[in-house]
Amino acid sequence: MKFLADMGIAPQTAAWLRRFGHDAVHLSEQGLERLADAAILEKARLESRVVLTHDLDFPELIAASGAKLPSVIVFRLRRMRPSRVERYLQNVIDCYADELDRGAIISVADARIRVRPLPLK
């Protein structure tokens, strides 16, 4: 699976994904720290990547566009330590890979994971 980590996600999480065989990049690794949200979504769509973020603007942009891709995983955890994000991310990959391939927004909170297929209605 291919991932694009936004600035709200630690670069260590992209490295962690690569250790497990995923194609993962962090915006900071590509010198794209200031890339606008819409451009991040377009980059992810063109590269067939799932966006990893902490920013609630991404689901709003996807909903407004009516797009089916890219998929977005939004982490809304109280503590965003890389090890904690990675534990939740592993669960999402294990349980929702098909949904991510088809197009989905997955919201990850401390007590639950919510999956909304794209395009949003």
N, C-alpha and C. Protein backbone atom coordinates (compact mmCIF):
# COMPACT_ATOMS: atom_id res chain seq x y z
N MET A 1 0.85 -1.16 0.00
CA MET A 1 0.00 0.00 0.00
C MET A 1 0.90 1.24 0.00
N LYS A 2 0.41 2.32 -0.60
CA LYS A 2 1.18 3.56 -0.71
C LYS A 2 0.55 4.65 0.15
N PHE A 3 1.40 5.39 0.86
CA PHE A 3 0.93 6.40 1.80
C PHE A 3 1.66 7.72 1.59
N LEU A 4 0.95 8.81 1.89
CA LEU A 4 1.52 10.15 1.92
C LEU A 4 1.18 10.75 3.29
N ALA A 5 2.19 11.00 4.10
CA ALA A 5 1.98 11.53 5.45
C ALA A 5 2.07 13.05 5.43
N ASP A 6 1.02 13.67 5.95
CA ASP A 6 0.93 15.12 6.08
C ASP A 6 1.80 15.58 7.25
N MET A 7 1.95 16.89 7.39
CA MET A 7 2.84 17.45 8.42
C MET A 7 2.38 17.15 9.84
N GLY A 8 1.12 16.84 10.07
CA GLY A 8 0.65 16.52 11.41
C GLY A 8 1.01 15.12 11.86
N ILE A 9 1.56 14.34 10.96
CA ILE A 9 1.99 12.97 11.25
C ILE A 9 3.52 12.97 11.35
N ALA A 10 4.05 12.30 12.32
CA ALA A 10 5.51 12.27 12.51
C ALA A 10 6.20 11.56 11.35
N PRO A 11 7.35 12.10 10.91
CA PRO A 11 8.11 11.42 9.85
C PRO A 11 8.48 9.98 10.22
N GLN A 12 8.61 9.69 11.52
CA GLN A 12 8.92 8.34 11.96
C GLN A 12 7.85 7.34 11.52
N THR A 13 6.62 7.79 11.39
CA THR A 13 5.53 6.90 10.99
C THR A 13 5.71 6.48 9.54
N ALA A 14 6.16 7.37 8.68
CA ALA A 14 6.45 6.99 7.29
C ALA A 14 7.59 5.98 7.25
N ALA A 15 8.62 6.20 8.06
CA ALA A 15 9.74 5.25 8.13
C ALA A 15 9.26 3.90 8.65
N TRP A 16 8.39 3.91 9.64
CA TRP A 16 7.82 2.67 10.19
C TRP A 16 7.07 1.91 9.10
N LEU A 17 6.26 2.60 8.31
CA LEU A 17 5.53 1.95 7.22
C LEU A 17 6.50 1.32 6.21
N ARG A 18 7.57 2.03 5.88
CA ARG A 18 8.55 1.48 4.93
C ARG A 18 9.20 0.22 5.46
N ARG A 19 9.46 0.17 6.78
CA ARG A 19 10.05 -1.04 7.37
C ARG A 19 9.15 -2.25 7.17
N PHE A 20 7.86 -2.04 7.02
CA PHE A 20 6.92 -3.13 6.82
C PHE A 20 6.52 -3.30 5.36
N GLY A 21 7.32 -2.74 4.46
CA GLY A 21 7.15 -2.98 3.03
C GLY A 21 6.21 -2.05 2.30
N HIS A 22 5.70 -1.03 2.97
CA HIS A 22 4.81 -0.08 2.30
C HIS A 22 5.62 1.02 1.63
N ASP A 23 5.07 1.59 0.60
CA ASP A 23 5.66 2.75 -0.08
C ASP A 23 5.10 3.97 0.62
N ALA A 24 5.89 4.59 1.48
CA ALA A 24 5.40 5.72 2.28
C ALA A 24 6.37 6.88 2.19
N VAL A 25 5.81 8.08 2.03
CA VAL A 25 6.62 9.30 2.02
C VAL A 25 5.98 10.30 2.96
N HIS A 26 6.82 11.17 3.50
CA HIS A 26 6.36 12.27 4.35
C HIS A 26 6.62 13.56 3.58
N LEU A 27 5.69 14.50 3.66
CA LEU A 27 5.86 15.76 2.93
C LEU A 27 7.21 16.42 3.22
N SER A 28 7.66 16.34 4.47
CA SER A 28 8.94 16.98 4.83
C SER A 28 10.13 16.32 4.12
N GLU A 29 10.02 15.03 3.80
CA GLU A 29 11.11 14.32 3.10
C GLU A 29 11.25 14.81 1.66
N GLN A 30 10.18 15.40 1.14
CA GLN A 30 10.19 15.88 -0.23
C GLN A 30 10.25 17.40 -0.31
N GLY A 31 10.48 18.06 0.83
CA GLY A 31 10.56 19.51 0.86
C GLY A 31 9.23 20.19 0.57
N LEU A 32 8.13 19.52 0.90
CA LEU A 32 6.80 20.03 0.58
C LEU A 32 6.01 20.43 1.83
N GLU A 33 6.70 20.93 2.83
CA GLU A 33 6.07 21.27 4.09
C GLU A 33 4.95 22.29 3.96
N ARG A 34 5.02 23.16 2.98
CA ARG A 34 4.04 24.23 2.83
C ARG A 34 3.03 23.98 1.71
N LEU A 35 2.98 22.79 1.22
CA LEU A 35 2.06 22.46 0.13
C LEU A 35 0.62 22.61 0.63
N ALA A 36 -0.22 23.26 -0.17
CA ALA A 36 -1.63 23.48 0.20
C ALA A 36 -2.37 22.14 0.26
N ASP A 37 -3.41 22.10 1.08
CA ASP A 37 -4.17 20.86 1.27
C ASP A 37 -4.71 20.31 -0.04
N ALA A 38 -5.26 21.16 -0.89
CA ALA A 38 -5.80 20.69 -2.17
C ALA A 38 -4.70 20.08 -3.03
N ALA A 39 -3.51 20.66 -3.00
CA ALA A 39 -2.38 20.12 -3.76
C ALA A 39 -1.90 18.79 -3.18
N ILE A 40 -1.98 18.65 -1.86
CA ILE A 40 -1.61 17.38 -1.23
C ILE A 40 -2.56 16.28 -1.69
N LEU A 41 -3.85 16.57 -1.70
CA LEU A 41 -4.83 15.58 -2.18
C LEU A 41 -4.59 15.22 -3.63
N GLU A 42 -4.29 16.21 -4.45
CA GLU A 42 -4.03 15.93 -5.87
C GLU A 42 -2.77 15.08 -6.04
N LYS A 43 -1.73 15.39 -5.29
CA LYS A 43 -0.50 14.59 -5.33
C LYS A 43 -0.80 13.15 -4.94
N ALA A 44 -1.55 12.97 -3.86
CA ALA A 44 -1.90 11.62 -3.40
C ALA A 44 -2.73 10.89 -4.46
N ARG A 45 -3.67 11.59 -5.08
CA ARG A 45 -4.50 10.96 -6.11
C ARG A 45 -3.65 10.52 -7.30
N LEU A 46 -2.78 11.41 -7.77
CA LEU A 46 -1.93 11.11 -8.93
C LEU A 46 -0.96 9.96 -8.66
N GLU A 47 -0.51 9.84 -7.40
CA GLU A 47 0.46 8.81 -7.02
C GLU A 47 -0.20 7.58 -6.40
N SER A 48 -1.55 7.57 -6.38
CA SER A 48 -2.31 6.44 -5.78
C SER A 48 -1.90 6.19 -4.33
N ARG A 49 -1.84 7.26 -3.54
CA ARG A 49 -1.45 7.16 -2.15
C ARG A 49 -2.63 7.46 -1.22
N VAL A 50 -2.61 6.86 -0.06
CA VAL A 50 -3.55 7.16 1.01
C VAL A 50 -2.94 8.29 1.84
N VAL A 51 -3.72 9.33 2.10
CA VAL A 51 -3.24 10.45 2.91
C VAL A 51 -3.40 10.12 4.39
N LEU A 52 -2.34 10.34 5.15
CA LEU A 52 -2.36 10.21 6.61
C LEU A 52 -2.29 11.62 7.17
N THR A 53 -3.24 11.98 8.03
CA THR A 53 -3.30 13.35 8.51
C THR A 53 -3.94 13.45 9.88
N HIS A 54 -3.81 14.63 10.45
CA HIS A 54 -4.46 15.01 11.71
C HIS A 54 -5.42 16.17 11.42
N ASP A 55 -5.45 16.62 10.18
CA ASP A 55 -6.14 17.84 9.74
C ASP A 55 -7.54 17.52 9.23
N LEU A 56 -8.54 18.12 9.84
CA LEU A 56 -9.93 17.88 9.44
C LEU A 56 -10.32 18.56 8.12
N ASP A 57 -9.44 19.39 7.56
CA ASP A 57 -9.74 20.01 6.27
C ASP A 57 -9.79 18.99 5.14
N PHE A 58 -9.03 17.93 5.24
CA PHE A 58 -8.97 16.95 4.15
C PHE A 58 -10.31 16.28 3.88
N PRO A 59 -11.01 15.76 4.89
CA PRO A 59 -12.34 15.19 4.61
C PRO A 59 -13.31 16.21 4.02
N GLU A 60 -13.23 17.46 4.48
CA GLU A 60 -14.11 18.49 3.94
C GLU A 60 -13.82 18.75 2.47
N LEU A 61 -12.54 18.81 2.10
CA LEU A 61 -12.18 19.02 0.70
C LEU A 61 -12.63 17.85 -0.17
N ILE A 62 -12.44 16.64 0.31
CA ILE A 62 -12.87 15.46 -0.45
C ILE A 62 -14.39 15.47 -0.61
N ALA A 63 -15.11 15.77 0.45
CA ALA A 63 -16.57 15.79 0.39
C ALA A 63 -17.05 16.84 -0.61
N ALA A 64 -16.47 18.02 -0.56
CA ALA A 64 -16.89 19.10 -1.46
C ALA A 64 -16.59 18.78 -2.93
N SER A 65 -15.53 18.03 -3.17
CA SER A 65 -15.14 17.72 -4.54
C SER A 65 -15.95 16.58 -5.15
N GLY A 66 -16.54 15.74 -4.30
CA GLY A 66 -17.25 14.57 -4.80
C GLY A 66 -16.31 13.48 -5.31
N ALA A 67 -15.03 13.59 -4.98
CA ALA A 67 -14.02 12.64 -5.47
C ALA A 67 -14.16 11.28 -4.82
N LYS A 68 -13.73 10.27 -5.55
CA LYS A 68 -13.72 8.90 -5.04
C LYS A 68 -12.36 8.52 -4.45
N LEU A 69 -11.34 9.22 -4.85
CA LEU A 69 -9.97 9.02 -4.36
C LEU A 69 -9.30 10.38 -4.24
N PRO A 70 -8.29 10.52 -3.40
CA PRO A 70 -7.60 9.50 -2.62
C PRO A 70 -8.33 9.20 -1.32
N SER A 71 -8.02 8.06 -0.76
CA SER A 71 -8.49 7.74 0.58
C SER A 71 -7.71 8.59 1.58
N VAL A 72 -8.35 8.86 2.71
CA VAL A 72 -7.74 9.67 3.76
C VAL A 72 -7.97 8.98 5.10
N ILE A 73 -6.90 8.88 5.89
CA ILE A 73 -7.02 8.41 7.27
C ILE A 73 -6.73 9.61 8.16
N VAL A 74 -7.73 10.00 8.95
CA VAL A 74 -7.62 11.16 9.83
C VAL A 74 -7.48 10.65 11.27
N PHE A 75 -6.38 11.00 11.90
CA PHE A 75 -6.13 10.59 13.28
C PHE A 75 -6.58 11.70 14.22
N ARG A 76 -7.50 11.37 15.12
CA ARG A 76 -8.02 12.31 16.11
C ARG A 76 -7.78 11.75 17.50
N LEU A 77 -6.55 11.35 17.75
CA LEU A 77 -6.16 10.74 19.02
C LEU A 77 -5.75 11.82 20.01
N ARG A 78 -6.02 11.59 21.27
CA ARG A 78 -5.62 12.56 22.31
C ARG A 78 -4.11 12.69 22.39
N ARG A 79 -3.42 11.59 22.23
CA ARG A 79 -1.96 11.61 22.24
C ARG A 79 -1.48 11.06 20.90
N MET A 80 -0.78 11.89 20.16
CA MET A 80 -0.38 11.54 18.80
C MET A 80 1.08 11.05 18.73
N ARG A 81 1.54 10.38 19.76
CA ARG A 81 2.90 9.82 19.72
C ARG A 81 2.99 8.83 18.55
N PRO A 82 4.11 8.80 17.85
CA PRO A 82 4.23 7.90 16.70
C PRO A 82 3.88 6.45 17.02
N SER A 83 4.33 5.92 18.15
CA SER A 83 4.04 4.52 18.46
C SER A 83 2.54 4.28 18.59
N ARG A 84 1.83 5.24 19.11
CA ARG A 84 0.37 5.11 19.28
C ARG A 84 -0.34 5.21 17.92
N VAL A 85 0.06 6.18 17.11
CA VAL A 85 -0.50 6.32 15.77
C VAL A 85 -0.25 5.05 14.97
N GLU A 86 0.95 4.52 15.07
CA GLU A 86 1.32 3.31 14.32
C GLU A 86 0.49 2.10 14.74
N ARG A 87 0.20 1.99 16.01
CA ARG A 87 -0.63 0.88 16.49
C ARG A 87 -2.03 0.96 15.88
N TYR A 88 -2.62 2.14 15.89
CA TYR A 88 -3.93 2.33 15.28
C TYR A 88 -3.86 2.14 13.76
N LEU A 89 -2.81 2.66 13.16
CA LEU A 89 -2.66 2.54 11.70
C LEU A 89 -2.54 1.08 11.28
N GLN A 90 -1.81 0.28 12.03
CA GLN A 90 -1.71 -1.15 11.71
C GLN A 90 -3.09 -1.80 11.74
N ASN A 91 -3.90 -1.44 12.70
CA ASN A 91 -5.26 -1.96 12.79
C ASN A 91 -6.09 -1.56 11.57
N VAL A 92 -5.97 -0.31 11.16
CA VAL A 92 -6.71 0.16 9.98
C VAL A 92 -6.26 -0.60 8.73
N ILE A 93 -4.97 -0.75 8.55
CA ILE A 93 -4.46 -1.48 7.38
C ILE A 93 -4.96 -2.92 7.40
N ASP A 94 -4.90 -3.57 8.54
CA ASP A 94 -5.33 -4.96 8.65
C ASP A 94 -6.82 -5.13 8.38
N CYS A 95 -7.63 -4.21 8.85
CA CYS A 95 -9.08 -4.37 8.80
C CYS A 95 -9.76 -3.69 7.62
N TYR A 96 -9.14 -2.65 7.06
CA TYR A 96 -9.84 -1.82 6.09
C TYR A 96 -9.07 -1.58 4.79
N ALA A 97 -8.17 -2.48 4.43
CA ALA A 97 -7.38 -2.30 3.21
C ALA A 97 -8.27 -2.22 1.96
N ASP A 98 -9.29 -3.04 1.89
CA ASP A 98 -10.18 -3.01 0.72
C ASP A 98 -10.89 -1.68 0.61
N GLU A 99 -11.37 -1.15 1.73
CA GLU A 99 -12.05 0.14 1.73
C GLU A 99 -11.10 1.25 1.28
N LEU A 100 -9.85 1.19 1.73
CA LEU A 100 -8.86 2.19 1.32
C LEU A 100 -8.59 2.11 -0.18
N ASP A 101 -8.55 0.90 -0.73
CA ASP A 101 -8.34 0.73 -2.16
C ASP A 101 -9.49 1.29 -2.98
N ARG A 102 -10.71 1.12 -2.49
CA ARG A 102 -11.90 1.59 -3.21
C ARG A 102 -12.14 3.09 -3.04
N GLY A 103 -11.66 3.65 -1.96
CA GLY A 103 -11.86 5.06 -1.65
C GLY A 103 -12.68 5.23 -0.40
N ALA A 104 -12.07 5.79 0.65
CA ALA A 104 -12.76 5.97 1.92
C ALA A 104 -12.08 7.05 2.74
N ILE A 105 -12.87 7.62 3.63
CA ILE A 105 -12.32 8.46 4.69
C ILE A 105 -12.46 7.64 5.97
N ILE A 106 -11.35 7.43 6.63
CA ILE A 106 -11.35 6.66 7.86
C ILE A 106 -10.91 7.60 8.99
N SER A 107 -11.80 7.78 9.95
CA SER A 107 -11.50 8.62 11.11
C SER A 107 -11.13 7.72 12.27
N VAL A 108 -9.96 7.97 12.85
CA VAL A 108 -9.44 7.15 13.93
C VAL A 108 -9.43 7.98 15.21
N ALA A 109 -10.27 7.60 16.15
CA ALA A 109 -10.32 8.26 17.46
C ALA A 109 -9.94 7.24 18.53
N ASP A 110 -9.78 7.71 19.74
CA ASP A 110 -9.36 6.82 20.82
C ASP A 110 -10.31 5.64 21.00
N ALA A 111 -11.60 5.90 20.92
CA ALA A 111 -12.59 4.87 21.24
C ALA A 111 -13.19 4.18 20.03
N ARG A 112 -12.94 4.70 18.81
CA ARG A 112 -13.57 4.05 17.66
C ARG A 112 -12.90 4.44 16.35
N ILE A 113 -13.19 3.64 15.35
CA ILE A 113 -12.76 3.90 13.98
C ILE A 113 -14.02 3.99 13.13
N ARG A 114 -14.14 5.07 12.38
CA ARG A 114 -15.31 5.28 11.53
C ARG A 114 -14.88 5.26 10.07
N VAL A 115 -15.58 4.48 9.25
CA VAL A 115 -15.27 4.34 7.83
C VAL A 115 -16.41 4.90 7.01
N ARG A 116 -16.10 5.85 6.13
CA ARG A 116 -17.09 6.42 5.22
C ARG A 116 -16.61 6.23 3.79
N PRO A 117 -17.35 5.43 3.00
CA PRO A 117 -16.96 5.22 1.60
C PRO A 117 -17.04 6.51 0.79
N LEU A 118 -16.17 6.63 -0.18
CA LEU A 118 -16.19 7.76 -1.11
C LEU A 118 -16.88 7.34 -2.40
N PRO A 119 -17.51 8.26 -3.11
CA PRO A 119 -17.68 9.66 -2.73
C PRO A 119 -18.72 9.80 -1.63
N LEU A 120 -18.54 10.87 -0.82
CA LEU A 120 -19.49 11.14 0.25
C LEU A 120 -20.77 11.69 -0.34
N LYS A 121 -21.89 11.30 0.24
CA LYS A 121 -23.18 11.77 -0.29
C LYS A 121 -23.75 12.83 0.59
